[in-house]
Amino acid sequence: MAEQEAATRHKLESIKLEANIQISNKQFSERKLGQYFGFGIGVCALACSAYLGFIGAQTAASIVGGTTVVGLAGVFVTGQYLSKDK
């Protein structure tokens, strides 16, 4: 009976470990996807800002470019701060 109980505990611990590994992999994938989307949004917004500057709308270009950089930097800093709490 003791051997059977030990085998059951080992099996449950193995299942728990596999579940934790799967959760970690999913979290890593979500972070990576978020970084790709953030990069894409940043490139698009800065390209729009450059275009606005090229056509002569310097005020709009500075607003679009400035808010993009500040917004992405804020999200990055906030994300780093929140991940340290965990």
PDB file of N, CA and C in Angstrom:
ATOM      1  N   MET A   1       0.807  -1.185   0.000  1.00  0.00           N
ATOM      2  CA  MET A   1       0.000   0.000   0.000  1.00  0.00           C
ATOM      3  C   MET A   1       0.864   1.268   0.000  1.00  0.00           C
ATOM      4  N   ALA A   2       1.948   1.246   0.756  1.00  0.00           N
ATOM      5  CA  ALA A   2       2.827   2.405   0.816  1.00  0.00           C
ATOM      6  C   ALA A   2       3.471   2.652  -0.541  1.00  0.00           C
ATOM      7  N   GLU A   3       3.852   1.584  -1.238  1.00  0.00           N
ATOM      8  CA  GLU A   3       4.458   1.735  -2.560  1.00  0.00           C
ATOM      9  C   GLU A   3       3.449   2.303  -3.554  1.00  0.00           C
ATOM     10  N   GLN A   4       2.219   1.849  -3.448  1.00  0.00           N
ATOM     11  CA  GLN A   4       1.171   2.345  -4.330  1.00  0.00           C
ATOM     12  C   GLN A   4       0.897   3.832  -4.071  1.00  0.00           C
ATOM     13  N   GLU A   5       0.899   4.214  -2.801  1.00  0.00           N
ATOM     14  CA  GLU A   5       0.689   5.620  -2.454  1.00  0.00           C
ATOM     15  C   GLU A   5       1.843   6.480  -2.964  1.00  0.00           C
ATOM     16  N   ALA A   6       3.084   5.986  -2.832  1.00  0.00           N
ATOM     17  CA  ALA A   6       4.242   6.728  -3.318  1.00  0.00           C
ATOM     18  C   ALA A   6       4.186   6.873  -4.839  1.00  0.00           C
ATOM     19  N   ALA A   7       3.791   5.820  -5.512  1.00  0.00           N
ATOM     20  CA  ALA A   7       3.693   5.879  -6.973  1.00  0.00           C
ATOM     21  C   ALA A   7       2.619   6.889  -7.397  1.00  0.00           C
ATOM     22  N   THR A   8       1.522   6.922  -6.682  1.00  0.00           N
ATOM     23  CA  THR A   8       0.446   7.873  -6.983  1.00  0.00           C
ATOM     24  C   THR A   8       0.914   9.303  -6.763  1.00  0.00           C
ATOM     25  N   ARG A   9       1.645   9.526  -5.680  1.00  0.00           N
ATOM     26  CA  ARG A   9       2.167  10.884  -5.405  1.00  0.00           C
ATOM     27  C   ARG A   9       3.152  11.319  -6.479  1.00  0.00           C
ATOM     28  N   HIS A  10       4.020  10.404  -6.906  1.00  0.00           N
ATOM     29  CA  HIS A  10       4.980  10.741  -7.961  1.00  0.00           C
ATOM     30  C   HIS A  10       4.253  11.091  -9.254  1.00  0.00           C
ATOM     31  N   LYS A  11       3.211  10.337  -9.564  1.00  0.00           N
ATOM     32  CA  LYS A  11       2.433  10.605 -10.769  1.00  0.00           C
ATOM     33  C   LYS A  11       1.767  11.972 -10.684  1.00  0.00           C
ATOM     34  N   LEU A  12       1.171  12.295  -9.542  1.00  0.00           N
ATOM     35  CA  LEU A  12       0.517  13.596  -9.367  1.00  0.00           C
ATOM     36  C   LEU A  12       1.525  14.739  -9.435  1.00  0.00           C
ATOM     37  N   GLU A  13       2.691  14.561  -8.854  1.00  0.00           N
ATOM     38  CA  GLU A  13       3.724  15.598  -8.915  1.00  0.00           C
ATOM     39  C   GLU A  13       4.217  15.786 -10.341  1.00  0.00           C
ATOM     40  N   SER A  14       4.314  14.698 -11.083  1.00  0.00           N
ATOM     41  CA  SER A  14       4.724  14.776 -12.478  1.00  0.00           C
ATOM     42  C   SER A  14       3.689  15.532 -13.305  1.00  0.00           C
ATOM     43  N   ILE A  15       2.412  15.254 -13.076  1.00  0.00           N
ATOM     44  CA  ILE A  15       1.345  15.954 -13.791  1.00  0.00           C
ATOM     45  C   ILE A  15       1.359  17.444 -13.452  1.00  0.00           C
ATOM     46  N   LYS A  16       1.572  17.757 -12.186  1.00  0.00           N
ATOM     47  CA  LYS A  16       1.619  19.162 -11.746  1.00  0.00           C
ATOM     48  C   LYS A  16       2.801  19.881 -12.398  1.00  0.00           C
ATOM     49  N   LEU A  17       3.947  19.221 -12.468  1.00  0.00           N
ATOM     50  CA  LEU A  17       5.125  19.819 -13.080  1.00  0.00           C
ATOM     51  C   LEU A  17       4.897  20.076 -14.567  1.00  0.00           C
ATOM     52  N   GLU A  18       4.297  19.130 -15.260  1.00  0.00           N
ATOM     53  CA  GLU A  18       4.002  19.322 -16.682  1.00  0.00           C
ATOM     54  C   GLU A  18       3.030  20.473 -16.893  1.00  0.00           C
ATOM     55  N   ALA A  19       2.040  20.603 -16.022  1.00  0.00           N
ATOM     56  CA  ALA A  19       1.080  21.709 -16.131  1.00  0.00           C
ATOM     57  C   ALA A  19       1.781  23.049 -15.922  1.00  0.00           C
ATOM     58  N   ASN A  20       2.690  23.120 -14.959  1.00  0.00           N
ATOM     59  CA  ASN A  20       3.432  24.364 -14.714  1.00  0.00           C
ATOM     60  C   ASN A  20       4.304  24.728 -15.907  1.00  0.00           C
ATOM     61  N   ILE A  21       4.899  23.724 -16.543  1.00  0.00           N
ATOM     62  CA  ILE A  21       5.728  23.975 -17.725  1.00  0.00           C
ATOM     63  C   ILE A  21       4.863  24.513 -18.862  1.00  0.00           C
ATOM     64  N   GLN A  22       3.693  23.930 -19.060  1.00  0.00           N
ATOM     65  CA  GLN A  22       2.792  24.400 -20.116  1.00  0.00           C
ATOM     66  C   GLN A  22       2.336  25.832 -19.853  1.00  0.00           C
ATOM     67  N   ILE A  23       2.038  26.147 -18.618  1.00  0.00           N
ATOM     68  CA  ILE A  23       1.621  27.518 -18.272  1.00  0.00           C
ATOM     69  C   ILE A  23       2.755  28.501 -18.542  1.00  0.00           C
ATOM     70  N   SER A  24       3.979  28.137 -18.173  1.00  0.00           N
ATOM     71  CA  SER A  24       5.127  29.015 -18.417  1.00  0.00           C
ATOM     72  C   SER A  24       5.340  29.233 -19.907  1.00  0.00           C
ATOM     73  N   ASN A  25       5.199  28.178 -20.697  1.00  0.00           N
ATOM     74  CA  ASN A  25       5.364  28.313 -22.143  1.00  0.00           C
ATOM     75  C   ASN A  25       4.299  29.221 -22.745  1.00  0.00           C
ATOM     76  N   LYS A  26       3.057  29.105 -22.271  1.00  0.00           N
ATOM     77  CA  LYS A  26       1.994  29.962 -22.783  1.00  0.00           C
ATOM     78  C   LYS A  26       2.228  31.417 -22.406  1.00  0.00           C
ATOM     79  N   GLN A  27       2.682  31.658 -21.180  1.00  0.00           N
ATOM     80  CA  GLN A  27       2.954  33.033 -20.758  1.00  0.00           C
ATOM     81  C   GLN A  27       4.087  33.631 -21.584  1.00  0.00           C
ATOM     82  N   PHE A  28       5.111  32.835 -21.864  1.00  0.00           N
ATOM     83  CA  PHE A  28       6.227  33.312 -22.683  1.00  0.00           C
ATOM     84  C   PHE A  28       5.750  33.644 -24.089  1.00  0.00           C
ATOM     85  N   SER A  29       4.901  32.786 -24.644  1.00  0.00           N
ATOM     86  CA  SER A  29       4.382  33.022 -25.989  1.00  0.00           C
ATOM     87  C   SER A  29       3.530  34.291 -26.031  1.00  0.00           C
ATOM     88  N   GLU A  30       2.721  34.510 -24.997  1.00  0.00           N
ATOM     89  CA  GLU A  30       1.892  35.720 -24.952  1.00  0.00           C
ATOM     90  C   GLU A  30       2.745  36.969 -24.869  1.00  0.00           C
ATOM     91  N   ARG A  31       3.805  36.924 -24.059  1.00  0.00           N
ATOM     92  CA  ARG A  31       4.699  38.085 -23.954  1.00  0.00           C
ATOM     93  C   ARG A  31       5.370  38.373 -25.285  1.00  0.00           C
ATOM     94  N   LYS A  32       5.825  37.311 -25.938  1.00  0.00           N
ATOM     95  CA  LYS A  32       6.509  37.467 -27.212  1.00  0.00           C
ATOM     96  C   LYS A  32       5.562  38.053 -28.259  1.00  0.00           C
ATOM     97  N   LEU A  33       4.335  37.564 -28.306  1.00  0.00           N
ATOM     98  CA  LEU A  33       3.344  38.076 -29.241  1.00  0.00           C
ATOM     99  C   LEU A  33       3.039  39.545 -28.948  1.00  0.00           C
ATOM    100  N   GLY A  34       2.934  39.896 -27.680  1.00  0.00           N
ATOM    101  CA  GLY A  34       2.700  41.284 -27.299  1.00  0.00           C
ATOM    102  C   GLY A  34       3.831  42.199 -27.735  1.00  0.00           C
ATOM    103  N   GLN A  35       5.050  41.704 -27.645  1.00  0.00           N
ATOM    104  CA  GLN A  35       6.189  42.505 -28.091  1.00  0.00           C
ATOM    105  C   GLN A  35       6.166  42.702 -29.601  1.00  0.00           C
ATOM    106  N   TYR A  36       5.793  41.668 -30.331  1.00  0.00           N
ATOM    107  CA  TYR A  36       5.695  41.806 -31.788  1.00  0.00           C
ATOM    108  C   TYR A  36       4.616  42.823 -32.172  1.00  0.00           C
ATOM    109  N   PHE A  37       3.464  42.737 -31.526  1.00  0.00           N
ATOM    110  CA  PHE A  37       2.394  43.688 -31.821  1.00  0.00           C
ATOM    111  C   PHE A  37       2.805  45.104 -31.428  1.00  0.00           C
ATOM    112  N   GLY A  38       3.448  45.255 -30.287  1.00  0.00           N
ATOM    113  CA  GLY A  38       3.920  46.573 -29.867  1.00  0.00           C
ATOM    114  C   GLY A  38       4.919  47.160 -30.847  1.00  0.00           C
ATOM    115  N   PHE A  39       5.813  46.316 -31.341  1.00  0.00           N
ATOM    116  CA  PHE A  39       6.790  46.777 -32.333  1.00  0.00           C
ATOM    117  C   PHE A  39       6.085  47.212 -33.613  1.00  0.00           C
ATOM    118  N   GLY A  40       5.119  46.416 -34.045  1.00  0.00           N
ATOM    119  CA  GLY A  40       4.380  46.755 -35.265  1.00  0.00           C
ATOM    120  C   GLY A  40       3.615  48.063 -35.129  1.00  0.00           C
ATOM    121  N   ILE A  41       2.966  48.228 -33.996  1.00  0.00           N
ATOM    122  CA  ILE A  41       2.224  49.470 -33.753  1.00  0.00           C
ATOM    123  C   ILE A  41       3.190  50.661 -33.725  1.00  0.00           C
ATOM    124  N   GLY A  42       4.326  50.483 -33.071  1.00  0.00           N
ATOM    125  CA  GLY A  42       5.303  51.569 -32.992  1.00  0.00           C
ATOM    126  C   GLY A  42       5.847  51.953 -34.356  1.00  0.00           C
ATOM    127  N   VAL A  43       6.175  50.963 -35.167  1.00  0.00           N
ATOM    128  CA  VAL A  43       6.703  51.241 -36.509  1.00  0.00           C
ATOM    129  C   VAL A  43       5.647  51.946 -37.355  1.00  0.00           C
ATOM    130  N   CYS A  44       4.411  51.456 -37.312  1.00  0.00           N
ATOM    131  CA  CYS A  44       3.331  52.089 -38.094  1.00  0.00           C
ATOM    132  C   CYS A  44       3.101  53.534 -37.651  1.00  0.00           C
ATOM    133  N   ALA A  45       3.054  53.754 -36.361  1.00  0.00           N
ATOM    134  CA  ALA A  45       2.792  55.104 -35.865  1.00  0.00           C
ATOM    135  C   ALA A  45       3.946  56.051 -36.195  1.00  0.00           C
ATOM    136  N   LEU A  46       5.165  55.571 -36.078  1.00  0.00           N
ATOM    137  CA  LEU A  46       6.296  56.438 -36.414  1.00  0.00           C
ATOM    138  C   LEU A  46       6.388  56.680 -37.914  1.00  0.00           C
ATOM    139  N   ALA A  47       5.981  55.698 -38.724  1.00  0.00           N
ATOM    140  CA  ALA A  47       5.939  55.913 -40.172  1.00  0.00           C
ATOM    141  C   ALA A  47       4.874  56.962 -40.508  1.00  0.00           C
ATOM    142  N   CYS A  48       3.735  56.884 -39.834  1.00  0.00           N
ATOM    143  CA  CYS A  48       2.694  57.903 -40.036  1.00  0.00           C
ATOM    144  C   CYS A  48       3.196  59.275 -39.619  1.00  0.00           C
ATOM    145  N   SER A  49       3.938  59.313 -38.532  1.00  0.00           N
ATOM    146  CA  SER A  49       4.494  60.579 -38.059  1.00  0.00           C
ATOM    147  C   SER A  49       5.484  61.145 -39.078  1.00  0.00           C
ATOM    148  N   ALA A  50       6.306  60.283 -39.627  1.00  0.00           N
ATOM    149  CA  ALA A  50       7.262  60.731 -40.643  1.00  0.00           C
ATOM    150  C   ALA A  50       6.534  61.245 -41.883  1.00  0.00           C
ATOM    151  N   TYR A  51       5.478  60.554 -42.287  1.00  0.00           N
ATOM    152  CA  TYR A  51       4.700  60.996 -43.443  1.00  0.00           C
ATOM    153  C   TYR A  51       4.051  62.354 -43.170  1.00  0.00           C
ATOM    154  N   LEU A  52       3.480  62.505 -41.979  1.00  0.00           N
ATOM    155  CA  LEU A  52       2.868  63.792 -41.638  1.00  0.00           C
ATOM    156  C   LEU A  52       3.908  64.909 -41.660  1.00  0.00           C
ATOM    157  N   GLY A  53       5.106  64.623 -41.172  1.00  0.00           N
ATOM    158  CA  GLY A  53       6.160  65.628 -41.220  1.00  0.00           C
ATOM    159  C   GLY A  53       6.575  65.942 -42.648  1.00  0.00           C
ATOM    160  N   PHE A  54       6.579  64.922 -43.498  1.00  0.00           N
ATOM    161  CA  PHE A  54       6.972  65.100 -44.893  1.00  0.00           C
ATOM    162  C   PHE A  54       5.979  65.969 -45.654  1.00  0.00           C
ATOM    163  N   ILE A  55       4.665  65.816 -45.349  1.00  0.00           N
ATOM    164  CA  ILE A  55       3.670  66.611 -46.073  1.00  0.00           C
ATOM    165  C   ILE A  55       3.458  67.991 -45.464  1.00  0.00           C
ATOM    166  N   GLY A  56       4.159  68.281 -44.376  1.00  0.00           N
ATOM    167  CA  GLY A  56       4.109  69.633 -43.835  1.00  0.00           C
ATOM    168  C   GLY A  56       3.276  69.804 -42.589  1.00  0.00           C
ATOM    169  N   ALA A  57       2.770  68.741 -42.023  1.00  0.00           N
ATOM    170  CA  ALA A  57       1.968  68.845 -40.797  1.00  0.00           C
ATOM    171  C   ALA A  57       2.860  68.512 -39.603  1.00  0.00           C
ATOM    172  N   GLN A  58       3.790  69.432 -39.287  1.00  0.00           N
ATOM    173  CA  GLN A  58       4.768  69.172 -38.238  1.00  0.00           C
ATOM    174  C   GLN A  58       4.142  69.027 -36.861  1.00  0.00           C
ATOM    175  N   THR A  59       3.115  69.792 -36.587  1.00  0.00           N
ATOM    176  CA  THR A  59       2.459  69.702 -35.275  1.00  0.00           C
ATOM    177  C   THR A  59       1.816  68.336 -35.090  1.00  0.00           C
ATOM    178  N   ALA A  60       1.076  67.897 -36.100  1.00  0.00           N
ATOM    179  CA  ALA A  60       0.437  66.576 -36.019  1.00  0.00           C
ATOM    180  C   ALA A  60       1.492  65.477 -35.955  1.00  0.00           C
ATOM    181  N   ALA A  61       2.578  65.638 -36.710  1.00  0.00           N
ATOM    182  CA  ALA A  61       3.647  64.634 -36.706  1.00  0.00           C
ATOM    183  C   ALA A  61       4.285  64.523 -35.327  1.00  0.00           C
ATOM    184  N   SER A  62       4.505  65.668 -34.683  1.00  0.00           N
ATOM    185  CA  SER A  62       5.126  65.622 -33.357  1.00  0.00           C
ATOM    186  C   SER A  62       4.174  65.029 -32.323  1.00  0.00           C
ATOM    187  N   ILE A  63       2.892  65.294 -32.472  1.00  0.00           N
ATOM    188  CA  ILE A  63       1.922  64.718 -31.530  1.00  0.00           C
ATOM    189  C   ILE A  63       1.848  63.209 -31.707  1.00  0.00           C
ATOM    190  N   VAL A  64       1.711  62.738 -32.946  1.00  0.00           N
ATOM    191  CA  VAL A  64       1.618  61.298 -33.206  1.00  0.00           C
ATOM    192  C   VAL A  64       2.902  60.596 -32.782  1.00  0.00           C
ATOM    193  N   GLY A  65       4.045  61.128 -33.172  1.00  0.00           N
ATOM    194  CA  GLY A  65       5.328  60.508 -32.821  1.00  0.00           C
ATOM    195  C   GLY A  65       5.606  60.553 -31.326  1.00  0.00           C
ATOM    196  N   GLY A  66       5.327  61.682 -30.712  1.00  0.00           N
ATOM    197  CA  GLY A  66       5.592  61.826 -29.275  1.00  0.00           C
ATOM    198  C   GLY A  66       4.721  60.932 -28.423  1.00  0.00           C
ATOM    199  N   THR A  67       3.426  60.886 -28.744  1.00  0.00           N
ATOM    200  CA  THR A  67       2.538  60.042 -27.948  1.00  0.00           C
ATOM    201  C   THR A  67       2.849  58.562 -28.157  1.00  0.00           C
ATOM    202  N   THR A  68       3.295  58.204 -29.355  1.00  0.00           N
ATOM    203  CA  THR A  68       3.660  56.808 -29.620  1.00  0.00           C
ATOM    204  C   THR A  68       4.853  56.396 -28.774  1.00  0.00           C
ATOM    205  N   VAL A  69       5.882  57.207 -28.789  1.00  0.00           N
ATOM    206  CA  VAL A  69       7.092  56.878 -28.026  1.00  0.00           C
ATOM    207  C   VAL A  69       6.801  56.867 -26.527  1.00  0.00           C
ATOM    208  N   VAL A  70       6.092  57.865 -26.052  1.00  0.00           N
ATOM    209  CA  VAL A  70       5.775  57.932 -24.617  1.00  0.00           C
ATOM    210  C   VAL A  70       4.869  56.775 -24.211  1.00  0.00           C
ATOM    211  N   GLY A  71       3.885  56.469 -25.038  1.00  0.00           N
ATOM    212  CA  GLY A  71       2.960  55.385 -24.733  1.00  0.00           C
ATOM    213  C   GLY A  71       3.647  54.026 -24.694  1.00  0.00           C
ATOM    214  N   LEU A  72       4.470  53.736 -25.689  1.00  0.00           N
ATOM    215  CA  LEU A  72       5.179  52.451 -25.706  1.00  0.00           C
ATOM    216  C   LEU A  72       6.193  52.351 -24.574  1.00  0.00           C
ATOM    217  N   ALA A  73       6.865  53.436 -24.278  1.00  0.00           N
ATOM    218  CA  ALA A  73       7.808  53.416 -23.160  1.00  0.00           C
ATOM    219  C   ALA A  73       7.063  53.206 -21.843  1.00  0.00           C
ATOM    220  N   GLY A  74       5.917  53.847 -21.691  1.00  0.00           N
ATOM    221  CA  GLY A  74       5.118  53.669 -20.477  1.00  0.00           C
ATOM    222  C   GLY A  74       4.638  52.238 -20.307  1.00  0.00           C
ATOM    223  N   VAL A  75       4.188  51.627 -21.398  1.00  0.00           N
ATOM    224  CA  VAL A  75       3.737  50.232 -21.336  1.00  0.00           C
ATOM    225  C   VAL A  75       4.901  49.320 -20.985  1.00  0.00           C
ATOM    226  N   PHE A  76       6.056  49.562 -21.560  1.00  0.00           N
ATOM    227  CA  PHE A  76       7.228  48.739 -21.277  1.00  0.00           C
ATOM    228  C   PHE A  76       7.641  48.856 -19.814  1.00  0.00           C
ATOM    229  N   VAL A  77       7.706  50.073 -19.301  1.00  0.00           N
ATOM    230  CA  VAL A  77       8.105  50.284 -17.904  1.00  0.00           C
ATOM    231  C   VAL A  77       7.072  49.684 -16.962  1.00  0.00           C
ATOM    232  N   THR A  78       5.798  49.880 -17.254  1.00  0.00           N
ATOM    233  CA  THR A  78       4.739  49.319 -16.414  1.00  0.00           C
ATOM    234  C   THR A  78       4.791  47.797 -16.425  1.00  0.00           C
ATOM    235  N   GLY A  79       5.012  47.201 -17.596  1.00  0.00           N
ATOM    236  CA  GLY A  79       5.121  45.754 -17.695  1.00  0.00           C
ATOM    237  C   GLY A  79       6.298  45.211 -16.902  1.00  0.00           C
ATOM    238  N   GLN A  80       7.425  45.892 -16.939  1.00  0.00           N
ATOM    239  CA  GLN A  80       8.595  45.468 -16.174  1.00  0.00           C
ATOM    240  C   GLN A  80       8.325  45.592 -14.673  1.00  0.00           C
ATOM    241  N   TYR A  81       7.647  46.643 -14.291  1.00  0.00           N
ATOM    242  CA  TYR A  81       7.333  46.856 -12.881  1.00  0.00           C
ATOM    243  C   TYR A  81       6.390  45.782 -12.364  1.00  0.00           C
ATOM    244  N   LEU A  82       5.362  45.456 -13.152  1.00  0.00           N
ATOM    245  CA  LEU A  82       4.385  44.461 -12.731  1.00  0.00           C
ATOM    246  C   LEU A  82       4.978  43.053 -12.723  1.00  0.00           C
ATOM    247  N   SER A  83       5.909  42.758 -13.638  1.00  0.00           N
ATOM    248  CA  SER A  83       6.505  41.419 -13.652  1.00  0.00           C
ATOM    249  C   SER A  83       7.453  41.215 -12.480  1.00  0.00           C
ATOM    250  N   LYS A  84       8.000  42.274 -11.921  1.00  0.00           N
ATOM    251  CA  LYS A  84       8.875  42.148 -10.747  1.00  0.00           C
ATOM    252  C   LYS A  84       8.070  41.826  -9.501  1.00  0.00           C
ATOM    253  N   ASP A  85       6.793  42.238  -9.459  1.00  0.00           N
ATOM    254  CA  ASP A  85       5.948  41.981  -8.301  1.00  0.00           C
ATOM    255  C   ASP A  85       5.570  40.507  -8.183  1.00  0.00           C
ATOM    256  N   LYS A  86       5.575  39.794  -9.273  1.00  0.00           N
ATOM    257  CA  LYS A  86       5.133  38.391  -9.251  1.00  0.00           C
ATOM    258  C   LYS A  86       6.170  37.478  -8.718  1.00  0.00           C
TER     259      LYS A  86
END
